[in-house]
Amino acid sequence: QVQLVESGGGLVQPGGSLRLSCAASGIIFRIYNMGWYRQAPGKQRELVASITSGGKTNYTDSAKGRFTISRDNAKNTVYLQMNSLEPEDTAVYYCNAKHMLYGTWWGQGTLVTVSS
């Protein structure tokens, strides 16, 4: 059974930081490309950052310079370090695991609220 379990969300003030974690089980984690997506109220889910099985990272313009995605294959975990958070970053953040042969999996999401 595949599980992606996100954690680390919460309420933070503008300018603050959070680190999201996504622990994977039931997949060969090291061969999957991993990503963080988010969905704000009334908006479509959008990619925030991704990291390939080889460690290559990609960020959307809104995340560049503020967010850092990383992975620890020994712990089957992907992280999203978020700094300089803004109210516009408020959303449910989802972990995604993707492999061209073995499919795509989603976590249940973790809520990030940026507010004073």
Protein backbone atom coordinates (compact mmCIF):
# COMPACT_ATOMS: atom_id res chain seq x y z
CA GLN A 1 0.00 0.00 0.00
CA VAL A 2 1.43 3.33 -1.09
CA GLN A 3 1.32 6.16 1.41
CA LEU A 4 2.58 9.72 1.23
CA VAL A 5 2.20 11.46 4.57
CA GLU A 6 2.78 15.19 4.77
CA SER A 7 3.54 17.05 7.97
CA GLY A 8 4.84 20.40 9.10
CA GLY A 9 2.01 22.69 8.11
CA GLY A 10 0.50 25.23 10.42
CA LEU A 11 -0.06 28.90 11.12
CA VAL A 12 2.86 31.25 10.58
CA GLN A 13 3.21 35.01 10.45
CA PRO A 14 4.23 36.79 7.25
CA GLY A 15 7.98 36.61 6.85
CA GLY A 16 8.18 33.39 8.82
CA SER A 17 9.37 29.94 7.84
CA LEU A 18 8.06 26.40 7.78
CA ARG A 19 9.51 23.08 6.72
CA LEU A 20 7.16 20.55 5.22
CA SER A 21 8.01 16.87 5.19
CA CYS A 22 6.54 14.03 3.16
CA ALA A 23 7.30 10.49 4.24
CA ALA A 24 6.74 7.85 1.59
CA SER A 25 6.10 4.16 2.01
CA GLY A 26 5.11 1.37 -0.33
CA ILE A 27 7.21 2.70 -3.22
CA ILE A 28 10.85 2.50 -4.23
CA PHE A 29 11.31 6.10 -3.23
CA ARG A 30 14.71 6.70 -4.81
CA ILE A 31 13.43 6.08 -8.35
CA TYR A 32 10.49 8.49 -8.11
CA ASN A 33 10.43 12.13 -9.10
CA MET A 34 8.92 14.05 -6.20
CA GLY A 35 7.02 17.28 -6.11
CA TRP A 36 5.19 19.72 -3.90
CA TYR A 37 1.95 21.21 -5.12
CA ARG A 38 -0.45 23.57 -3.45
CA GLN A 39 -4.09 24.49 -3.75
CA ALA A 40 -5.41 27.76 -2.41
CA PRO A 41 -9.14 28.25 -1.74
CA GLY A 42 -11.01 28.67 -5.00
CA LYS A 43 -7.94 27.99 -7.11
CA GLN A 44 -6.54 25.07 -9.03
CA ARG A 45 -3.78 22.91 -7.69
CA GLU A 46 -0.40 24.16 -8.88
CA LEU A 47 3.16 22.94 -8.83
CA VAL A 48 5.46 24.65 -6.35
CA ALA A 49 8.70 22.70 -6.66
CA SER A 50 9.97 19.36 -7.88
CA ILE A 51 13.04 17.20 -7.56
CA THR A 52 13.97 14.35 -9.85
CA SER A 53 15.24 10.96 -8.78
CA GLY A 54 18.68 12.28 -9.67
CA GLY A 55 18.33 15.36 -7.51
CA LYS A 56 17.63 18.00 -10.14
CA THR A 57 15.32 20.68 -8.78
CA ASN A 58 12.78 22.96 -10.40
CA TYR A 59 10.80 25.85 -8.94
CA THR A 60 7.95 28.02 -10.02
CA ASP A 61 8.65 31.72 -10.15
CA SER A 62 6.77 32.33 -6.91
CA ALA A 63 8.95 29.80 -5.09
CA LYS A 64 12.36 30.73 -6.48
CA GLY A 65 14.65 32.25 -3.89
CA ARG A 66 12.28 31.50 -1.02
CA PHE A 67 11.60 27.75 -1.09
CA THR A 68 14.00 24.83 -1.22
CA ILE A 69 13.04 21.27 -2.07
CA SER A 70 15.28 18.40 -1.00
CA ARG A 71 15.10 14.68 -0.53
CA ASP A 72 16.63 12.08 1.74
CA ASN A 73 16.45 8.72 0.02
CA ALA A 74 17.66 6.94 3.15
CA LYS A 75 14.59 8.24 4.99
CA ASN A 76 12.17 8.02 2.03
CA THR A 77 11.34 11.65 2.68
CA VAL A 78 11.07 14.81 0.64
CA TYR A 79 11.16 18.25 2.23
CA LEU A 80 10.07 21.75 1.36
CA GLN A 81 11.78 24.51 3.27
CA MET A 82 9.71 27.66 2.96
CA ASN A 83 11.14 31.02 3.97
CA SER A 84 9.83 34.58 3.72
CA LEU A 85 6.29 33.31 3.67
CA GLU A 86 3.56 35.60 2.39
CA PRO A 87 -0.21 35.51 2.85
CA GLU A 88 -0.43 34.44 -0.80
CA ASP A 89 1.35 31.21 0.15
CA THR A 90 -1.68 30.14 2.18
CA ALA A 91 -2.86 26.83 0.75
CA VAL A 92 -3.07 23.12 1.26
CA TYR A 93 0.29 21.67 0.25
CA TYR A 94 0.37 18.23 -1.34
CA CYS A 95 3.22 15.83 -1.86
CA ASN A 96 3.40 14.04 -5.20
CA ALA A 97 5.40 11.01 -6.32
CA LYS A 98 5.64 10.31 -10.02
CA HIS A 99 7.21 7.57 -12.10
CA MET A 100 6.59 7.12 -15.78
CA LEU A 101 6.12 3.37 -15.44
CA TYR A 102 4.76 2.92 -11.94
CA GLY A 103 2.32 5.79 -11.73
CA THR A 104 1.54 8.87 -9.71
CA TRP A 105 0.65 9.12 -6.04
CA TRP A 106 -0.61 11.95 -3.84
CA GLY A 107 -0.55 12.67 -0.15
CA GLN A 108 -3.54 13.91 1.81
CA GLY A 109 -2.21 17.45 2.12
CA THR A 110 -1.11 19.73 4.93
CA LEU A 111 -2.53 23.19 5.50
CA VAL A 112 -0.24 26.20 5.58
CA THR A 113 -1.77 29.46 6.76
CA VAL A 114 0.23 32.67 6.59
CA SER A 115 -1.45 35.37 8.60
CA SER A 116 -0.75 37.95 11.25
